[in-house]
Amino acid sequence: MKKIIKMRQMSDNQEGTIKKVSAFGDMGRRIREMGLVPNTEIQIQGRAPLRDPVAIKIRDYTLTLRNHEADSILVEVEEEQQEKA
């Protein structure tokens, strides 16, 4: 069963599909320019020791996002994979 959660709530190595980017203005534009658009597959690669930022794999590259940026991205994941962050 699928569930939609914020990217920040995903666990390490968890995969999902971006469903919505709710950021507006400059931050929303920057997120979309990095390729974080609906129907894009992503995987969480890891987190810094204090849990911010988060590294994600998208297409053939890895990028990092701050938690406040990851909060504005909704991702569809398998429900049994979800863990609370």
PDB file of N, CA and C in Angstrom:
ATOM      1  N   MET A   1       0.846  -1.183   0.000  1.00  0.00           N
ATOM      2  CA  MET A   1       0.000   0.000   0.000  1.00  0.00           C
ATOM      3  C   MET A   1       0.892   1.248   0.000  1.00  0.00           C
ATOM      4  N   LYS A   2       0.496   2.235  -0.749  1.00  0.00           N
ATOM      5  CA  LYS A   2       1.278   3.463  -0.875  1.00  0.00           C
ATOM      6  C   LYS A   2       0.767   4.516   0.104  1.00  0.00           C
ATOM      7  N   LYS A   3       1.699   5.401   0.505  1.00  0.00           N
ATOM      8  CA  LYS A   3       1.367   6.480   1.420  1.00  0.00           C
ATOM      9  C   LYS A   3       2.168   7.707   1.006  1.00  0.00           C
ATOM     10  N   ILE A   4       1.600   8.894   1.174  1.00  0.00           N
ATOM     11  CA  ILE A   4       2.301  10.129   0.842  1.00  0.00           C
ATOM     12  C   ILE A   4       2.785  10.782   2.128  1.00  0.00           C
ATOM     13  N   ILE A   5       4.110  11.057   2.169  1.00  0.00           N
ATOM     14  CA  ILE A   5       4.735  11.672   3.341  1.00  0.00           C
ATOM     15  C   ILE A   5       5.674  12.779   2.875  1.00  0.00           C
ATOM     16  N   LYS A   6       6.138  13.576   3.822  1.00  0.00           N
ATOM     17  CA  LYS A   6       7.155  14.585   3.510  1.00  0.00           C
ATOM     18  C   LYS A   6       8.496  13.880   3.320  1.00  0.00           C
ATOM     19  N   MET A   7       9.316  14.403   2.427  1.00  0.00           N
ATOM     20  CA  MET A   7      10.623  13.804   2.175  1.00  0.00           C
ATOM     21  C   MET A   7      11.435  13.702   3.472  1.00  0.00           C
ATOM     22  N   ARG A   8      11.298  14.662   4.341  1.00  0.00           N
ATOM     23  CA  ARG A   8      12.046  14.670   5.606  1.00  0.00           C
ATOM     24  C   ARG A   8      11.746  13.435   6.460  1.00  0.00           C
ATOM     25  N   GLN A   9      10.572  12.838   6.314  1.00  0.00           N
ATOM     26  CA  GLN A   9      10.169  11.685   7.116  1.00  0.00           C
ATOM     27  C   GLN A   9      10.703  10.362   6.569  1.00  0.00           C
ATOM     28  N   MET A  10      11.300  10.378   5.410  1.00  0.00           N
ATOM     29  CA  MET A  10      11.802   9.142   4.814  1.00  0.00           C
ATOM     30  C   MET A  10      13.046   8.649   5.565  1.00  0.00           C
ATOM     31  N   SER A  11      13.249   7.356   5.536  1.00  0.00           N
ATOM     32  CA  SER A  11      14.412   6.771   6.212  1.00  0.00           C
ATOM     33  C   SER A  11      15.527   6.521   5.199  1.00  0.00           C
ATOM     34  N   ASP A  12      16.731   6.271   5.696  1.00  0.00           N
ATOM     35  CA  ASP A  12      17.885   6.015   4.836  1.00  0.00           C
ATOM     36  C   ASP A  12      17.604   4.838   3.898  1.00  0.00           C
ATOM     37  N   ASN A  13      18.015   4.972   2.650  1.00  0.00           N
ATOM     38  CA  ASN A  13      17.861   3.974   1.590  1.00  0.00           C
ATOM     39  C   ASN A  13      16.416   3.765   1.132  1.00  0.00           C
ATOM     40  N   GLN A  14      15.486   4.520   1.663  1.00  0.00           N
ATOM     41  CA  GLN A  14      14.088   4.397   1.248  1.00  0.00           C
ATOM     42  C   GLN A  14      13.891   5.080  -0.102  1.00  0.00           C
ATOM     43  N   GLU A  15      13.098   4.461  -0.949  1.00  0.00           N
ATOM     44  CA  GLU A  15      12.807   4.989  -2.270  1.00  0.00           C
ATOM     45  C   GLU A  15      11.386   5.520  -2.318  1.00  0.00           C
ATOM     46  N   GLY A  16      11.155   6.462  -3.218  1.00  0.00           N
ATOM     47  CA  GLY A  16       9.822   7.008  -3.388  1.00  0.00           C
ATOM     48  C   GLY A  16       9.723   7.816  -4.666  1.00  0.00           C
ATOM     49  N   THR A  17       8.513   8.298  -4.927  1.00  0.00           N
ATOM     50  CA  THR A  17       8.228   9.098  -6.106  1.00  0.00           C
ATOM     51  C   THR A  17       7.688  10.448  -5.658  1.00  0.00           C
ATOM     52  N   ILE A  18       8.292  11.515  -6.139  1.00  0.00           N
ATOM     53  CA  ILE A  18       7.827  12.861  -5.784  1.00  0.00           C
ATOM     54  C   ILE A  18       6.424  13.053  -6.346  1.00  0.00           C
ATOM     55  N   LYS A  19       5.523  13.535  -5.503  1.00  0.00           N
ATOM     56  CA  LYS A  19       4.151  13.787  -5.917  1.00  0.00           C
ATOM     57  C   LYS A  19       3.832  15.276  -5.997  1.00  0.00           C
ATOM     58  N   LYS A  20       4.434  16.079  -5.118  1.00  0.00           N
ATOM     59  CA  LYS A  20       4.115  17.508  -5.111  1.00  0.00           C
ATOM     60  C   LYS A  20       5.255  18.288  -4.463  1.00  0.00           C
ATOM     61  N   VAL A  21       5.546  19.455  -5.025  1.00  0.00           N
ATOM     62  CA  VAL A  21       6.483  20.402  -4.423  1.00  0.00           C
ATOM     63  C   VAL A  21       5.652  21.609  -4.011  1.00  0.00           C
ATOM     64  N   SER A  22       5.555  21.847  -2.705  1.00  0.00           N
ATOM     65  CA  SER A  22       4.682  22.917  -2.216  1.00  0.00           C
ATOM     66  C   SER A  22       5.416  24.221  -1.938  1.00  0.00           C
ATOM     67  N   ALA A  23       6.700  24.274  -2.221  1.00  0.00           N
ATOM     68  CA  ALA A  23       7.478  25.499  -1.999  1.00  0.00           C
ATOM     69  C   ALA A  23       7.135  26.525  -3.075  1.00  0.00           C
ATOM     70  N   PHE A  24       7.142  27.801  -2.687  1.00  0.00           N
ATOM     71  CA  PHE A  24       6.853  28.888  -3.611  1.00  0.00           C
ATOM     72  C   PHE A  24       8.047  29.816  -3.720  1.00  0.00           C
ATOM     73  N   GLY A  25       7.971  30.736  -4.636  1.00  0.00           N
ATOM     74  CA  GLY A  25       9.002  31.762  -4.757  1.00  0.00           C
ATOM     75  C   GLY A  25      10.339  31.191  -5.176  1.00  0.00           C
ATOM     76  N   ASP A  26      11.400  31.834  -4.697  1.00  0.00           N
ATOM     77  CA  ASP A  26      12.758  31.445  -5.075  1.00  0.00           C
ATOM     78  C   ASP A  26      13.098  30.013  -4.660  1.00  0.00           C
ATOM     79  N   MET A  27      12.658  29.603  -3.457  1.00  0.00           N
ATOM     80  CA  MET A  27      12.969  28.246  -3.011  1.00  0.00           C
ATOM     81  C   MET A  27      12.277  27.220  -3.899  1.00  0.00           C
ATOM     82  N   GLY A  28      11.026  27.432  -4.249  1.00  0.00           N
ATOM     83  CA  GLY A  28      10.311  26.513  -5.126  1.00  0.00           C
ATOM     84  C   GLY A  28      10.954  26.425  -6.493  1.00  0.00           C
ATOM     85  N   ARG A  29      11.364  27.568  -7.040  1.00  0.00           N
ATOM     86  CA  ARG A  29      12.028  27.591  -8.340  1.00  0.00           C
ATOM     87  C   ARG A  29      13.341  26.827  -8.285  1.00  0.00           C
ATOM     88  N   ARG A  30      14.131  27.055  -7.228  1.00  0.00           N
ATOM     89  CA  ARG A  30      15.423  26.382  -7.086  1.00  0.00           C
ATOM     90  C   ARG A  30      15.263  24.870  -6.953  1.00  0.00           C
ATOM     91  N   ILE A  31      14.280  24.436  -6.172  1.00  0.00           N
ATOM     92  CA  ILE A  31      14.028  22.999  -6.001  1.00  0.00           C
ATOM     93  C   ILE A  31      13.669  22.363  -7.343  1.00  0.00           C
ATOM     94  N   ARG A  32      12.803  23.018  -8.087  1.00  0.00           N
ATOM     95  CA  ARG A  32      12.405  22.476  -9.395  1.00  0.00           C
ATOM     96  C   ARG A  32      13.565  22.479 -10.385  1.00  0.00           C
ATOM     97  N   GLU A  33      14.404  23.500 -10.340  1.00  0.00           N
ATOM     98  CA  GLU A  33      15.565  23.555 -11.232  1.00  0.00           C
ATOM     99  C   GLU A  33      16.562  22.427 -10.968  1.00  0.00           C
ATOM    100  N   MET A  34      16.586  21.935  -9.739  1.00  0.00           N
ATOM    101  CA  MET A  34      17.475  20.810  -9.403  1.00  0.00           C
ATOM    102  C   MET A  34      16.913  19.476  -9.891  1.00  0.00           C
ATOM    103  N   GLY A  35      15.715  19.498 -10.479  1.00  0.00           N
ATOM    104  CA  GLY A  35      15.124  18.271 -11.000  1.00  0.00           C
ATOM    105  C   GLY A  35      14.117  17.617 -10.077  1.00  0.00           C
ATOM    106  N   LEU A  36      13.814  18.251  -8.961  1.00  0.00           N
ATOM    107  CA  LEU A  36      12.854  17.694  -8.012  1.00  0.00           C
ATOM    108  C   LEU A  36      11.448  18.122  -8.440  1.00  0.00           C
ATOM    109  N   VAL A  37      10.902  17.356  -9.378  1.00  0.00           N
ATOM    110  CA  VAL A  37       9.583  17.645  -9.941  1.00  0.00           C
ATOM    111  C   VAL A  37       8.710  16.402  -9.794  1.00  0.00           C
ATOM    112  N   PRO A  38       7.373  16.574  -9.859  1.00  0.00           N
ATOM    113  CA  PRO A  38       6.479  15.415  -9.714  1.00  0.00           C
ATOM    114  C   PRO A  38       6.807  14.280 -10.677  1.00  0.00           C
ATOM    115  N   ASN A  39       6.578  13.063 -10.191  1.00  0.00           N
ATOM    116  CA  ASN A  39       6.798  11.801 -10.903  1.00  0.00           C
ATOM    117  C   ASN A  39       8.271  11.453 -11.091  1.00  0.00           C
ATOM    118  N   THR A  40       9.150  12.044 -10.299  1.00  0.00           N
ATOM    119  CA  THR A  40      10.573  11.723 -10.329  1.00  0.00           C
ATOM    120  C   THR A  40      10.888  10.762  -9.194  1.00  0.00           C
ATOM    121  N   GLU A  41      11.611   9.700  -9.495  1.00  0.00           N
ATOM    122  CA  GLU A  41      12.028   8.711  -8.495  1.00  0.00           C
ATOM    123  C   GLU A  41      13.223   9.246  -7.707  1.00  0.00           C
ATOM    124  N   ILE A  42      13.207   9.048  -6.396  1.00  0.00           N
ATOM    125  CA  ILE A  42      14.318   9.450  -5.536  1.00  0.00           C
ATOM    126  C   ILE A  42      14.630   8.338  -4.547  1.00  0.00           C
ATOM    127  N   GLN A  43      15.808   8.417  -3.947  1.00  0.00           N
ATOM    128  CA  GLN A  43      16.200   7.506  -2.871  1.00  0.00           C
ATOM    129  C   GLN A  43      17.002   8.302  -1.858  1.00  0.00           C
ATOM    130  N   ILE A  44      16.713   8.101  -0.581  1.00  0.00           N
ATOM    131  CA  ILE A  44      17.457   8.752   0.483  1.00  0.00           C
ATOM    132  C   ILE A  44      18.796   8.040   0.635  1.00  0.00           C
ATOM    133  N   GLN A  45      19.889   8.785   0.500  1.00  0.00           N
ATOM    134  CA  GLN A  45      21.236   8.212   0.596  1.00  0.00           C
ATOM    135  C   GLN A  45      21.761   8.247   2.027  1.00  0.00           C
ATOM    136  N   GLY A  46      21.407   9.258   2.786  1.00  0.00           N
ATOM    137  CA  GLY A  46      21.883   9.371   4.155  1.00  0.00           C
ATOM    138  C   GLY A  46      21.655  10.766   4.688  1.00  0.00           C
ATOM    139  N   ARG A  47      22.069  10.966   5.939  1.00  0.00           N
ATOM    140  CA  ARG A  47      21.892  12.246   6.610  1.00  0.00           C
ATOM    141  C   ARG A  47      23.169  12.602   7.356  1.00  0.00           C
ATOM    142  N   ALA A  48      23.338  13.888   7.570  1.00  0.00           N
ATOM    143  CA  ALA A  48      24.459  14.360   8.377  1.00  0.00           C
ATOM    144  C   ALA A  48      24.251  13.913   9.830  1.00  0.00           C
ATOM    145  N   PRO A  49      25.295  13.927  10.644  1.00  0.00           N
ATOM    146  CA  PRO A  49      25.171  13.459  12.032  1.00  0.00           C
ATOM    147  C   PRO A  49      24.054  14.122  12.838  1.00  0.00           C
ATOM    148  N   LEU A  50      23.757  15.379  12.573  1.00  0.00           N
ATOM    149  CA  LEU A  50      22.675  16.043  13.306  1.00  0.00           C
ATOM    150  C   LEU A  50      21.361  16.005  12.524  1.00  0.00           C
ATOM    151  N   ARG A  51      21.268  15.105  11.524  1.00  0.00           N
ATOM    152  CA  ARG A  51      20.070  14.850  10.719  1.00  0.00           C
ATOM    153  C   ARG A  51      19.720  15.963   9.737  1.00  0.00           C
ATOM    154  N   ASP A  52      20.604  16.916   9.532  1.00  0.00           N
ATOM    155  CA  ASP A  52      20.363  17.996   8.578  1.00  0.00           C
ATOM    156  C   ASP A  52      21.702  18.400   7.988  1.00  0.00           C
ATOM    157  N   PRO A  53      21.920  18.317   6.709  1.00  0.00           N
ATOM    158  CA  PRO A  53      20.980  18.073   5.620  1.00  0.00           C
ATOM    159  C   PRO A  53      20.788  16.593   5.318  1.00  0.00           C
ATOM    160  N   VAL A  54      19.929  16.321   4.337  1.00  0.00           N
ATOM    161  CA  VAL A  54      19.656  14.969   3.868  1.00  0.00           C
ATOM    162  C   VAL A  54      20.204  14.847   2.445  1.00  0.00           C
ATOM    163  N   ALA A  55      20.866  13.727   2.161  1.00  0.00           N
ATOM    164  CA  ALA A  55      21.397  13.475   0.821  1.00  0.00           C
ATOM    165  C   ALA A  55      20.431  12.555   0.086  1.00  0.00           C
ATOM    166  N   ILE A  56      20.081  12.933  -1.142  1.00  0.00           N
ATOM    167  CA  ILE A  56      19.172  12.114  -1.934  1.00  0.00           C
ATOM    168  C   ILE A  56      19.802  11.799  -3.284  1.00  0.00           C
ATOM    169  N   LYS A  57      19.429  10.633  -3.809  1.00  0.00           N
ATOM    170  CA  LYS A  57      19.865  10.254  -5.154  1.00  0.00           C
ATOM    171  C   LYS A  57      18.680  10.481  -6.078  1.00  0.00           C
ATOM    172  N   ILE A  58      18.922  11.265  -7.111  1.00  0.00           N
ATOM    173  CA  ILE A  58      17.903  11.559  -8.110  1.00  0.00           C
ATOM    174  C   ILE A  58      18.550  11.406  -9.476  1.00  0.00           C
ATOM    175  N   ARG A  59      17.933  10.596 -10.307  1.00  0.00           N
ATOM    176  CA  ARG A  59      18.493  10.261 -11.617  1.00  0.00           C
ATOM    177  C   ARG A  59      19.912   9.725 -11.419  1.00  0.00           C
ATOM    178  N   ASP A  60      20.923  10.353 -11.988  1.00  0.00           N
ATOM    179  CA  ASP A  60      22.292   9.836 -11.863  1.00  0.00           C
ATOM    180  C   ASP A  60      23.181  10.686 -10.972  1.00  0.00           C
ATOM    181  N   TYR A  61      22.595  11.455 -10.080  1.00  0.00           N
ATOM    182  CA  TYR A  61      23.433  12.288  -9.217  1.00  0.00           C
ATOM    183  C   TYR A  61      22.879  12.344  -7.801  1.00  0.00           C
ATOM    184  N   THR A  62      23.710  12.808  -6.883  1.00  0.00           N
ATOM    185  CA  THR A  62      23.327  12.963  -5.488  1.00  0.00           C
ATOM    186  C   THR A  62      23.319  14.445  -5.149  1.00  0.00           C
ATOM    187  N   LEU A  63      22.300  14.885  -4.435  1.00  0.00           N
ATOM    188  CA  LEU A  63      22.264  16.269  -3.967  1.00  0.00           C
ATOM    189  C   LEU A  63      21.805  16.291  -2.520  1.00  0.00           C
ATOM    190  N   THR A  64      22.031  17.401  -1.855  1.00  0.00           N
ATOM    191  CA  THR A  64      21.623  17.538  -0.467  1.00  0.00           C
ATOM    192  C   THR A  64      20.607  18.656  -0.335  1.00  0.00           C
ATOM    193  N   LEU A  65      19.680  18.454   0.594  1.00  0.00           N
ATOM    194  CA  LEU A  65      18.653  19.443   0.899  1.00  0.00           C
ATOM    195  C   LEU A  65      18.596  19.660   2.400  1.00  0.00           C
ATOM    196  N   ARG A  66      18.369  20.874   2.800  1.00  0.00           N
ATOM    197  CA  ARG A  66      18.118  21.172   4.206  1.00  0.00           C
ATOM    198  C   ARG A  66      16.735  20.642   4.569  1.00  0.00           C
ATOM    199  N   ASN A  67      16.512  20.373   5.845  1.00  0.00           N
ATOM    200  CA  ASN A  67      15.235  19.821   6.281  1.00  0.00           C
ATOM    201  C   ASN A  67      14.060  20.731   5.933  1.00  0.00           C
ATOM    202  N   HIS A  68      14.237  22.051   6.029  1.00  0.00           N
ATOM    203  CA  HIS A  68      13.109  22.935   5.706  1.00  0.00           C
ATOM    204  C   HIS A  68      12.763  22.854   4.216  1.00  0.00           C
ATOM    205  N   GLU A  69      13.722  22.516   3.376  1.00  0.00           N
ATOM    206  CA  GLU A  69      13.446  22.305   1.951  1.00  0.00           C
ATOM    207  C   GLU A  69      12.761  20.956   1.739  1.00  0.00           C
ATOM    208  N   ALA A  70      13.242  19.926   2.428  1.00  0.00           N
ATOM    209  CA  ALA A  70      12.662  18.590   2.310  1.00  0.00           C
ATOM    210  C   ALA A  70      11.231  18.551   2.827  1.00  0.00           C
ATOM    211  N   ASP A  71      10.882  19.438   3.751  1.00  0.00           N
ATOM    212  CA  ASP A  71       9.509  19.497   4.260  1.00  0.00           C
ATOM    213  C   ASP A  71       8.513  19.939   3.198  1.00  0.00           C
ATOM    214  N   SER A  72       8.979  20.620   2.162  1.00  0.00           N
ATOM    215  CA  SER A  72       8.061  21.127   1.142  1.00  0.00           C
ATOM    216  C   SER A  72       7.892  20.159  -0.036  1.00  0.00           C
ATOM    217  N   ILE A  73       8.437  18.950   0.088  1.00  0.00           N
ATOM    218  CA  ILE A  73       8.346  17.964  -0.996  1.00  0.00           C
ATOM    219  C   ILE A  73       7.587  16.741  -0.480  1.00  0.00           C
ATOM    220  N   LEU A  74       6.453  16.435  -1.117  1.00  0.00           N
ATOM    221  CA  LEU A  74       5.659  15.267  -0.752  1.00  0.00           C
ATOM    222  C   LEU A  74       6.037  14.102  -1.649  1.00  0.00           C
ATOM    223  N   VAL A  75       6.241  12.931  -1.021  1.00  0.00           N
ATOM    224  CA  VAL A  75       6.737  11.751  -1.727  1.00  0.00           C
ATOM    225  C   VAL A  75       5.814  10.570  -1.454  1.00  0.00           C
ATOM    226  N   GLU A  76       5.547   9.782  -2.489  1.00  0.00           N
ATOM    227  CA  GLU A  76       4.765   8.564  -2.327  1.00  0.00           C
ATOM    228  C   GLU A  76       5.722   7.407  -2.070  1.00  0.00           C
ATOM    229  N   VAL A  77       5.505   6.687  -0.966  1.00  0.00           N
ATOM    230  CA  VAL A  77       6.354   5.552  -0.576  1.00  0.00           C
ATOM    231  C   VAL A  77       5.480   4.353  -0.262  1.00  0.00           C
ATOM    232  N   GLU A  78       6.114   3.197  -0.222  1.00  0.00           N
ATOM    233  CA  GLU A  78       5.412   1.995   0.246  1.00  0.00           C
ATOM    234  C   GLU A  78       5.195   2.133   1.746  1.00  0.00           C
ATOM    235  N   GLU A  79       3.987   1.881   2.211  1.00  0.00           N
ATOM    236  CA  GLU A  79       3.673   2.104   3.625  1.00  0.00           C
ATOM    237  C   GLU A  79       4.506   1.250   4.566  1.00  0.00           C
ATOM    238  N   GLU A  80       4.794   0.002   4.215  1.00  0.00           N
ATOM    239  CA  GLU A  80       5.564  -0.853   5.115  1.00  0.00           C
ATOM    240  C   GLU A  80       7.023  -0.411   5.235  1.00  0.00           C
ATOM    241  N   GLN A  81       7.526   0.412   4.293  1.00  0.00           N
ATOM    242  CA  GLN A  81       8.891   0.914   4.373  1.00  0.00           C
ATOM    243  C   GLN A  81       8.995   2.135   5.266  1.00  0.00           C
ATOM    244  N   GLN A  82       7.893   2.830   5.495  1.00  0.00           N
ATOM    245  CA  GLN A  82       7.943   4.107   6.200  1.00  0.00           C
ATOM    246  C   GLN A  82       8.356   3.932   7.662  1.00  0.00           C
ATOM    247  N   GLU A  83       9.232   4.825   8.084  1.00  0.00           N
ATOM    248  CA  GLU A  83       9.632   4.909   9.489  1.00  0.00           C
ATOM    249  C   GLU A  83       9.545   6.353   9.896  1.00  0.00           C
ATOM    250  N   LYS A  84       9.220   6.604  11.150  1.00  0.00           N
ATOM    251  CA  LYS A  84       9.172   7.976  11.626  1.00  0.00           C
ATOM    252  C   LYS A  84      10.584   8.485  11.858  1.00  0.00           C
ATOM    253  N   ALA A  85      10.826   9.697  11.382  1.00  0.00           N
ATOM    254  CA  ALA A  85      12.162  10.298  11.527  1.00  0.00           C
ATOM    255  C   ALA A  85      12.298  10.977  12.851  1.00  0.00           C
TER     256      ALA A  85
END
